[in-house]
PDB file of N, CA and C in Angstrom:
ATOM      1  N   MET A   1     165.880 -12.656 -58.447  1.00  0.00           N
ATOM      2  CA  MET A   1     167.163 -13.584 -59.247  1.00  0.00           C
ATOM      3  C   MET A   1     167.159 -14.559 -58.280  1.00  0.00           C
ATOM      4  N   PHE A   2     167.425 -15.514 -59.562  1.00  0.00           N
ATOM      5  CA  PHE A   2     167.745 -17.090 -59.265  1.00  0.00           C
ATOM      6  C   PHE A   2     168.639 -17.554 -60.009  1.00  0.00           C
ATOM      7  N   ALA A   3     169.448 -18.655 -59.455  1.00  0.00           N
ATOM      8  CA  ALA A   3     170.422 -19.292 -59.773  1.00  0.00           C
ATOM      9  C   ALA A   3     169.938 -20.536 -60.561  1.00  0.00           C
ATOM     10  N   VAL A   4     170.495 -20.858 -61.651  1.00  0.00           N
ATOM     11  CA  VAL A   4     169.977 -22.352 -62.327  1.00  0.00           C
ATOM     12  C   VAL A   4     171.198 -23.029 -62.839  1.00  0.00           C
ATOM     13  N   GLN A   5     171.017 -24.105 -62.328  1.00  0.00           N
ATOM     14  CA  GLN A   5     172.132 -25.002 -62.844  1.00  0.00           C
ATOM     15  C   GLN A   5     171.340 -25.589 -64.559  1.00  0.00           C
ATOM     16  N   VAL A   6     172.516 -25.240 -65.877  1.00  0.00           N
ATOM     17  CA  VAL A   6     171.888 -25.580 -66.891  1.00  0.00           C
ATOM     18  C   VAL A   6     172.124 -27.064 -67.401  1.00  0.00           C
ATOM     19  N   GLU A   7     171.262 -27.534 -67.547  1.00  0.00           N
ATOM     20  CA  GLU A   7     171.239 -29.531 -68.184  1.00  0.00           C
ATOM     21  C   GLU A   7     171.760 -29.399 -69.436  1.00  0.00           C
ATOM     22  N   ASP A   8     170.890 -28.265 -70.350  1.00  0.00           N
ATOM     23  CA  ASP A   8     171.365 -28.641 -72.177  1.00  0.00           C
ATOM     24  C   ASP A   8     170.855 -27.423 -72.353  1.00  0.00           C
ATOM     25  N   VAL A   9     171.475 -27.415 -73.267  1.00  0.00           N
ATOM     26  CA  VAL A   9     171.382 -25.850 -74.394  1.00  0.00           C
ATOM     27  C   VAL A   9     170.589 -25.937 -76.002  1.00  0.00           C
ATOM     28  N   LEU A  10     169.598 -25.709 -75.841  1.00  0.00           N
ATOM     29  CA  LEU A  10     168.854 -26.577 -77.400  1.00  0.00           C
ATOM     30  C   LEU A  10     169.418 -25.404 -78.632  1.00  0.00           C
ATOM     31  N   LYS A  11     169.120 -24.004 -78.159  1.00  0.00           N
ATOM     32  CA  LYS A  11     169.657 -23.184 -79.150  1.00  0.00           C
ATOM     33  C   LYS A  11     170.326 -21.975 -78.326  1.00  0.00           C
ATOM     34  N   ASN A  12     171.413 -21.801 -79.090  1.00  0.00           N
ATOM     35  CA  ASN A  12     171.819 -20.380 -78.252  1.00  0.00           C
ATOM     36  C   ASN A  12     172.724 -19.329 -79.211  1.00  0.00           C
ATOM     37  N   ALA A  13     172.024 -18.314 -79.054  1.00  0.00           N
ATOM     38  CA  ALA A  13     172.165 -16.960 -80.047  1.00  0.00           C
ATOM     39  C   ALA A  13     172.409 -15.865 -79.011  1.00  0.00           C
ATOM     40  N   SER A  14     172.540 -16.509 -77.429  1.00  0.00           N
ATOM     41  CA  SER A  14     173.464 -15.693 -76.656  1.00  0.00           C
ATOM     42  C   SER A  14     174.562 -14.881 -77.007  1.00  0.00           C
ATOM     43  N   GLN A  15     175.114 -13.593 -76.659  1.00  0.00           N
ATOM     44  CA  GLN A  15     176.250 -13.475 -76.643  1.00  0.00           C
ATOM     45  C   GLN A  15     177.589 -13.341 -75.159  1.00  0.00           C
ATOM     46  N   LEU A  16     176.631 -14.226 -74.481  1.00  0.00           N
ATOM     47  CA  LEU A  16     177.213 -14.626 -73.292  1.00  0.00           C
ATOM     48  C   LEU A  16     177.644 -16.004 -73.459  1.00  0.00           C
ATOM     49  N   SER A  17     178.570 -16.665 -72.494  1.00  0.00           N
ATOM     50  CA  SER A  17     178.764 -17.945 -72.839  1.00  0.00           C
ATOM     51  C   SER A  17     177.545 -18.647 -72.013  1.00  0.00           C
ATOM     52  N   LEU A  18     177.279 -19.790 -72.602  1.00  0.00           N
ATOM     53  CA  LEU A  18     175.876 -20.659 -72.023  1.00  0.00           C
ATOM     54  C   LEU A  18     176.265 -21.936 -72.531  1.00  0.00           C
ATOM     55  N   THR A  19     176.730 -22.850 -72.127  1.00  0.00           N
ATOM     56  CA  THR A  19     176.910 -23.965 -72.088  1.00  0.00           C
ATOM     57  C   THR A  19     176.109 -25.107 -70.844  1.00  0.00           C
ATOM     58  N   ALA A  20     175.873 -26.277 -71.776  1.00  0.00           N
ATOM     59  CA  ALA A  20     175.598 -27.415 -70.630  1.00  0.00           C
ATOM     60  C   ALA A  20     176.682 -27.597 -69.192  1.00  0.00           C
ATOM     61  N   SER A  21     176.074 -27.668 -68.289  1.00  0.00           N
ATOM     62  CA  SER A  21     175.961 -27.947 -66.954  1.00  0.00           C
ATOM     63  C   SER A  21     177.286 -26.297 -66.360  1.00  0.00           C
ATOM     64  N   SER A  22     176.568 -25.345 -67.074  1.00  0.00           N
ATOM     65  CA  SER A  22     177.062 -23.965 -66.441  1.00  0.00           C
ATOM     66  C   SER A  22     176.027 -23.835 -65.322  1.00  0.00           C
ATOM     67  N   LEU A  23     176.253 -22.700 -64.517  1.00  0.00           N
ATOM     68  CA  LEU A  23     175.588 -21.921 -63.388  1.00  0.00           C
ATOM     69  C   LEU A  23     175.453 -20.911 -63.976  1.00  0.00           C
ATOM     70  N   ILE A  24     173.775 -20.103 -64.194  1.00  0.00           N
ATOM     71  CA  ILE A  24     173.772 -18.923 -64.388  1.00  0.00           C
ATOM     72  C   ILE A  24     172.843 -18.088 -63.595  1.00  0.00           C
ATOM     73  N   GLU A  25     172.447 -16.959 -63.482  1.00  0.00           N
ATOM     74  CA  GLU A  25     172.026 -16.304 -63.303  1.00  0.00           C
ATOM     75  C   GLU A  25     170.380 -15.654 -63.731  1.00  0.00           C
ATOM     76  N   VAL A  26     169.122 -16.077 -63.307  1.00  0.00           N
ATOM     77  CA  VAL A  26     168.407 -15.442 -64.431  1.00  0.00           C
ATOM     78  C   VAL A  26     166.979 -14.213 -63.398  1.00  0.00           C
ATOM     79  N   GLU A  27     166.495 -13.706 -64.198  1.00  0.00           N
ATOM     80  CA  GLU A  27     165.177 -13.112 -63.306  1.00  0.00           C
ATOM     81  C   GLU A  27     163.989 -13.110 -64.003  1.00  0.00           C
ATOM     82  N   HIS A  28     162.819 -12.775 -63.672  1.00  0.00           N
ATOM     83  CA  HIS A  28     161.734 -13.014 -64.601  1.00  0.00           C
ATOM     84  C   HIS A  28     161.032 -11.519 -63.609  1.00  0.00           C
ATOM     85  N   GLU A  29     160.812 -10.367 -64.463  1.00  0.00           N
ATOM     86  CA  GLU A  29     160.769  -8.871 -63.894  1.00  0.00           C
ATOM     87  C   GLU A  29     159.006  -9.527 -64.500  1.00  0.00           C
ATOM     88  N   GLY A  30     158.210  -9.550 -65.292  1.00  0.00           N
ATOM     89  CA  GLY A  30     156.925  -9.437 -66.133  1.00  0.00           C
ATOM     90  C   GLY A  30     156.635  -9.031 -67.205  1.00  0.00           C
ATOM     91  N   GLY A  31     155.846  -8.288 -67.693  1.00  0.00           N
ATOM     92  CA  GLY A  31     155.826  -8.594 -69.042  1.00  0.00           C
ATOM     93  C   GLY A  31     154.302  -6.749 -69.102  1.00  0.00           C
ATOM     94  N   ARG A  32     154.260  -6.874 -70.148  1.00  0.00           N
ATOM     95  CA  ARG A  32     153.310  -5.621 -70.753  1.00  0.00           C
ATOM     96  C   ARG A  32     152.120  -6.643 -71.576  1.00  0.00           C
ATOM     97  N   VAL A  33     151.108  -5.684 -71.178  1.00  0.00           N
ATOM     98  CA  VAL A  33     150.455  -6.507 -72.473  1.00  0.00           C
ATOM     99  C   VAL A  33     149.338  -4.846 -72.826  1.00  0.00           C
ATOM    100  N   LYS A  34     149.336  -5.253 -74.280  1.00  0.00           N
ATOM    101  CA  LYS A  34     148.423  -3.931 -74.730  1.00  0.00           C
ATOM    102  C   LYS A  34     147.068  -4.457 -75.062  1.00  0.00           C
ATOM    103  N   PHE A  35     146.241  -3.547 -74.687  1.00  0.00           N
ATOM    104  CA  PHE A  35     144.856  -3.686 -74.878  1.00  0.00           C
ATOM    105  C   PHE A  35     144.415  -3.569 -76.031  1.00  0.00           C
ATOM    106  N   PRO A  36     142.835  -3.533 -76.176  1.00  0.00           N
ATOM    107  CA  PRO A  36     142.480  -3.558 -77.673  1.00  0.00           C
ATOM    108  C   PRO A  36     142.290  -1.879 -77.809  1.00  0.00           C
ATOM    109  N   SER A  37     142.270  -0.766 -76.243  1.00  0.00           N
ATOM    110  CA  SER A  37     142.407   0.773 -76.517  1.00  0.00           C
ATOM    111  C   SER A  37     143.061   0.865 -76.664  1.00  0.00           C
ATOM    112  N   GLY A  38     144.490   0.508 -76.850  1.00  0.00           N
ATOM    113  CA  GLY A  38     145.705   0.724 -77.238  1.00  0.00           C
ATOM    114  C   GLY A  38     146.472   0.900 -75.833  1.00  0.00           C
ATOM    115  N   ARG A  39     145.819   0.929 -74.464  1.00  0.00           N
ATOM    116  CA  ARG A  39     146.504   0.995 -73.530  1.00  0.00           C
ATOM    117  C   ARG A  39     147.925  -0.003 -73.265  1.00  0.00           C
ATOM    118  N   ILE A  40     148.644   0.391 -72.739  1.00  0.00           N
ATOM    119  CA  ILE A  40     149.486  -0.819 -72.309  1.00  0.00           C
ATOM    120  C   ILE A  40     149.931  -0.538 -70.840  1.00  0.00           C
ATOM    121  N   HIS A  41     150.014  -2.128 -70.175  1.00  0.00           N
ATOM    122  CA  HIS A  41     150.091  -2.395 -68.614  1.00  0.00           C
ATOM    123  C   HIS A  41     151.173  -3.000 -68.622  1.00  0.00           C
ATOM    124  N   LEU A  42     151.846  -2.632 -67.548  1.00  0.00           N
ATOM    125  CA  LEU A  42     153.150  -3.491 -67.061  1.00  0.00           C
ATOM    126  C   LEU A  42     152.847  -4.638 -65.773  1.00  0.00           C
ATOM    127  N   TYR A  43     152.820  -5.349 -65.847  1.00  0.00           N
ATOM    128  CA  TYR A  43     152.881  -6.651 -64.616  1.00  0.00           C
ATOM    129  C   TYR A  43     154.206  -6.560 -64.648  1.00  0.00           C
ATOM    130  N   MET A  44     154.752  -6.828 -63.061  1.00  0.00           N
ATOM    131  CA  MET A  44     155.845  -7.358 -62.412  1.00  0.00           C
ATOM    132  C   MET A  44     155.471  -8.227 -61.943  1.00  0.00           C
ATOM    133  N   THR A  45     156.118  -9.151 -61.520  1.00  0.00           N
ATOM    134  CA  THR A  45     155.951 -11.025 -61.277  1.00  0.00           C
ATOM    135  C   THR A  45     156.948 -10.633 -59.684  1.00  0.00           C
ATOM    136  N   ASN A  46     156.150 -11.427 -58.471  1.00  0.00           N
ATOM    137  CA  ASN A  46     157.380 -11.722 -57.844  1.00  0.00           C
ATOM    138  C   ASN A  46     157.380 -12.843 -56.975  1.00  0.00           C
ATOM    139  N   GLU A  47     158.277 -13.486 -57.234  1.00  0.00           N
ATOM    140  CA  GLU A  47     158.366 -15.341 -57.313  1.00  0.00           C
ATOM    141  C   GLU A  47     157.095 -15.765 -57.280  1.00  0.00           C
ATOM    142  N   GLN A  48     156.283 -15.466 -58.579  1.00  0.00           N
ATOM    143  CA  GLN A  48     155.222 -16.293 -58.567  1.00  0.00           C
ATOM    144  C   GLN A  48     155.528 -17.284 -59.053  1.00  0.00           C
ATOM    145  N   ASP A  49     155.514 -18.597 -58.862  1.00  0.00           N
ATOM    146  CA  ASP A  49     154.860 -20.163 -59.140  1.00  0.00           C
ATOM    147  C   ASP A  49     156.278 -20.447 -60.029  1.00  0.00           C
ATOM    148  N   MET A  50     157.610 -19.860 -59.928  1.00  0.00           N
ATOM    149  CA  MET A  50     158.675 -20.034 -60.872  1.00  0.00           C
ATOM    150  C   MET A  50     160.100 -19.312 -60.624  1.00  0.00           C
ATOM    151  N   PRO A  51     161.248 -20.091 -60.831  1.00  0.00           N
ATOM    152  CA  PRO A  51     161.466 -21.211 -60.862  1.00  0.00           C
ATOM    153  C   PRO A  51     161.648 -22.031 -58.915  1.00  0.00           C
ATOM    154  N   HIS A  52     160.841 -23.182 -59.117  1.00  0.00           N
ATOM    155  CA  HIS A  52     160.776 -24.234 -58.071  1.00  0.00           C
ATOM    156  C   HIS A  52     162.148 -24.520 -57.511  1.00  0.00           C
ATOM    157  N   VAL A  53     163.018 -24.760 -56.608  1.00  0.00           N
ATOM    158  CA  VAL A  53     163.935 -25.575 -56.093  1.00  0.00           C
ATOM    159  C   VAL A  53     163.792 -26.734 -56.685  1.00  0.00           C
ATOM    160  N   GLY A  54     164.642 -27.879 -57.122  1.00  0.00           N
ATOM    161  CA  GLY A  54     164.540 -28.981 -57.350  1.00  0.00           C
ATOM    162  C   GLY A  54     163.656 -29.678 -58.713  1.00  0.00           C
ATOM    163  N   SER A  55     163.065 -28.164 -59.326  1.00  0.00           N
ATOM    164  CA  SER A  55     162.505 -28.660 -60.777  1.00  0.00           C
ATOM    165  C   SER A  55     162.859 -28.327 -61.236  1.00  0.00           C
ATOM    166  N   ARG A  56     162.527 -29.028 -62.606  1.00  0.00           N
ATOM    167  CA  ARG A  56     163.087 -28.999 -64.309  1.00  0.00           C
ATOM    168  C   ARG A  56     161.956 -28.198 -64.869  1.00  0.00           C
ATOM    169  N   TYR A  57     162.995 -27.304 -65.354  1.00  0.00           N
ATOM    170  CA  TYR A  57     162.230 -26.178 -66.370  1.00  0.00           C
ATOM    171  C   TYR A  57     162.673 -26.099 -68.427  1.00  0.00           C
ATOM    172  N   VAL A  58     162.209 -25.734 -68.959  1.00  0.00           N
ATOM    173  CA  VAL A  58     162.520 -25.536 -70.530  1.00  0.00           C
ATOM    174  C   VAL A  58     162.347 -23.694 -70.576  1.00  0.00           C
ATOM    175  N   LEU A  59     163.304 -23.346 -70.373  1.00  0.00           N
ATOM    176  CA  LEU A  59     163.481 -21.378 -70.459  1.00  0.00           C
ATOM    177  C   LEU A  59     163.784 -21.228 -71.511  1.00  0.00           C
ATOM    178  N   PHE A  60     163.086 -19.974 -71.875  1.00  0.00           N
ATOM    179  CA  PHE A  60     163.361 -19.632 -72.975  1.00  0.00           C
ATOM    180  C   PHE A  60     164.236 -18.010 -72.206  1.00  0.00           C
ATOM    181  N   LEU A  61     165.313 -17.765 -72.657  1.00  0.00           N
ATOM    182  CA  LEU A  61     166.019 -16.507 -72.092  1.00  0.00           C
ATOM    183  C   LEU A  61     166.472 -15.558 -72.992  1.00  0.00           C
ATOM    184  N   SER A  62     166.563 -14.530 -72.201  1.00  0.00           N
ATOM    185  CA  SER A  62     167.289 -13.652 -73.344  1.00  0.00           C
ATOM    186  C   SER A  62     168.292 -12.634 -72.738  1.00  0.00           C
ATOM    187  N   ASP A  63     169.423 -11.821 -73.192  1.00  0.00           N
ATOM    188  CA  ASP A  63     170.648 -11.789 -72.690  1.00  0.00           C
ATOM    189  C   ASP A  63     170.749 -10.127 -73.253  1.00  0.00           C
ATOM    190  N   ASP A  64     171.390  -9.415 -72.453  1.00  0.00           N
ATOM    191  CA  ASP A  64     171.891  -8.498 -72.783  1.00  0.00           C
ATOM    192  C   ASP A  64     174.100  -8.406 -72.488  1.00  0.00           C
ATOM    193  N   ALA A  65     175.283  -8.108 -73.565  1.00  0.00           N
ATOM    194  CA  ALA A  65     175.982  -8.276 -73.736  1.00  0.00           C
ATOM    195  C   ALA A  65     176.582  -7.514 -72.133  1.00  0.00           C
ATOM    196  N   SER A  66     175.646  -6.663 -71.892  1.00  0.00           N
ATOM    197  CA  SER A  66     176.559  -5.636 -70.750  1.00  0.00           C
ATOM    198  C   SER A  66     175.988  -6.470 -69.255  1.00  0.00           C
ATOM    199  N   ASN A  67     174.925  -7.613 -69.086  1.00  0.00           N
ATOM    200  CA  ASN A  67     174.629  -7.805 -68.204  1.00  0.00           C
ATOM    201  C   ASN A  67     174.913  -8.778 -67.715  1.00  0.00           C
ATOM    202  N   PRO A  68     175.343  -9.766 -66.840  1.00  0.00           N
ATOM    203  CA  PRO A  68     175.862 -10.854 -66.949  1.00  0.00           C
ATOM    204  C   PRO A  68     173.992 -12.076 -66.737  1.00  0.00           C
ATOM    205  N   VAL A  69     173.023 -11.110 -65.853  1.00  0.00           N
ATOM    206  CA  VAL A  69     172.292 -11.756 -66.042  1.00  0.00           C
ATOM    207  C   VAL A  69     170.882 -11.948 -66.943  1.00  0.00           C
ATOM    208  N   PHE A  70     170.652 -13.273 -67.331  1.00  0.00           N
ATOM    209  CA  PHE A  70     169.880 -13.740 -68.478  1.00  0.00           C
ATOM    210  C   PHE A  70     168.079 -13.051 -67.955  1.00  0.00           C
ATOM    211  N   GLN A  71     167.222 -12.721 -68.526  1.00  0.00           N
ATOM    212  CA  GLN A  71     165.636 -12.430 -68.459  1.00  0.00           C
ATOM    213  C   GLN A  71     165.093 -13.802 -69.104  1.00  0.00           C
ATOM    214  N   ILE A  72     164.305 -14.382 -68.138  1.00  0.00           N
ATOM    215  CA  ILE A  72     163.556 -15.172 -68.292  1.00  0.00           C
ATOM    216  C   ILE A  72     162.443 -14.642 -69.108  1.00  0.00           C
ATOM    217  N   ILE A  73     161.910 -15.151 -70.491  1.00  0.00           N
ATOM    218  CA  ILE A  73     160.799 -14.469 -71.270  1.00  0.00           C
ATOM    219  C   ILE A  73     159.707 -15.769 -71.246  1.00  0.00           C
ATOM    220  N   THR A  74     159.886 -16.390 -71.118  1.00  0.00           N
ATOM    221  CA  THR A  74     159.048 -17.434 -70.626  1.00  0.00           C
ATOM    222  C   THR A  74     159.066 -18.814 -70.116  1.00  0.00           C
ATOM    223  N   GLY A  75     158.628 -19.816 -69.677  1.00  0.00           N
ATOM    224  CA  GLY A  75     159.187 -20.985 -69.182  1.00  0.00           C
ATOM    225  C   GLY A  75     158.182 -22.267 -68.908  1.00  0.00           C
ATOM    226  N   TYR A  76     158.674 -23.534 -68.924  1.00  0.00           N
ATOM    227  CA  TYR A  76     157.630 -24.606 -68.882  1.00  0.00           C
ATOM    228  C   TYR A  76     158.121 -25.441 -67.494  1.00  0.00           C
ATOM    229  N   GLU A  77     157.419 -25.842 -66.730  1.00  0.00           N
ATOM    230  CA  GLU A  77     158.018 -27.186 -66.237  1.00  0.00           C
ATOM    231  C   GLU A  77     157.798 -28.452 -66.256  1.00  0.00           C
ATOM    232  N   LEU A  78     158.961 -29.015 -66.381  1.00  0.00           N
ATOM    233  CA  LEU A  78     158.872 -30.539 -66.818  1.00  0.00           C
ATOM    234  C   LEU A  78     158.420 -31.472 -65.655  1.00  0.00           C
ATOM    235  N   CYS A  79     157.462 -31.957 -65.913  1.00  0.00           N
ATOM    236  CA  CYS A  79     156.963 -33.361 -65.030  1.00  0.00           C
ATOM    237  C   CYS A  79     156.663 -34.420 -65.439  1.00  0.00           C
ATOM    238  N   GLU A  80     157.339 -35.585 -65.375  1.00  0.00           N
ATOM    239  CA  GLU A  80     157.208 -36.692 -65.844  1.00  0.00           C
ATOM    240  C   GLU A  80     157.281 -36.543 -67.100  1.00  0.00           C
ATOM    241  N   GLY A  81     158.364 -36.027 -67.507  1.00  0.00           N
ATOM    242  CA  GLY A  81     158.916 -35.877 -69.706  1.00  0.00           C
ATOM    243  C   GLY A  81     157.744 -34.864 -69.879  1.00  0.00           C
ATOM    244  N   LYS A  82     156.703 -34.696 -69.247  1.00  0.00           N
ATOM    245  CA  LYS A  82     155.738 -33.469 -70.122  1.00  0.00           C
ATOM    246  C   LYS A  82     156.161 -32.063 -69.705  1.00  0.00           C
ATOM    247  N   ILE A  83     155.577 -31.390 -70.450  1.00  0.00           N
ATOM    248  CA  ILE A  83     155.706 -29.739 -70.168  1.00  0.00           C
ATOM    249  C   ILE A  83     153.935 -29.697 -69.757  1.00  0.00           C
TER     250      ILE A  83
END
């Protein structure tokens, strides 16, 4: 789990309060891959490349009104104004 300082909100469909300058908690647990055979494999991440202290990101988040922690769907690091 990571604490993230929100700089700007581009779209807010969240049921939770999400505004510029908010300090929020986010986590990135992994994902599922469905293979052509129909088999689904769950991948879990553990501090893999994101987020790093002091870096800037565009994050796509999901939320659950019963849990104040946002889930990172995907994210892109901003470097010199580019993703």
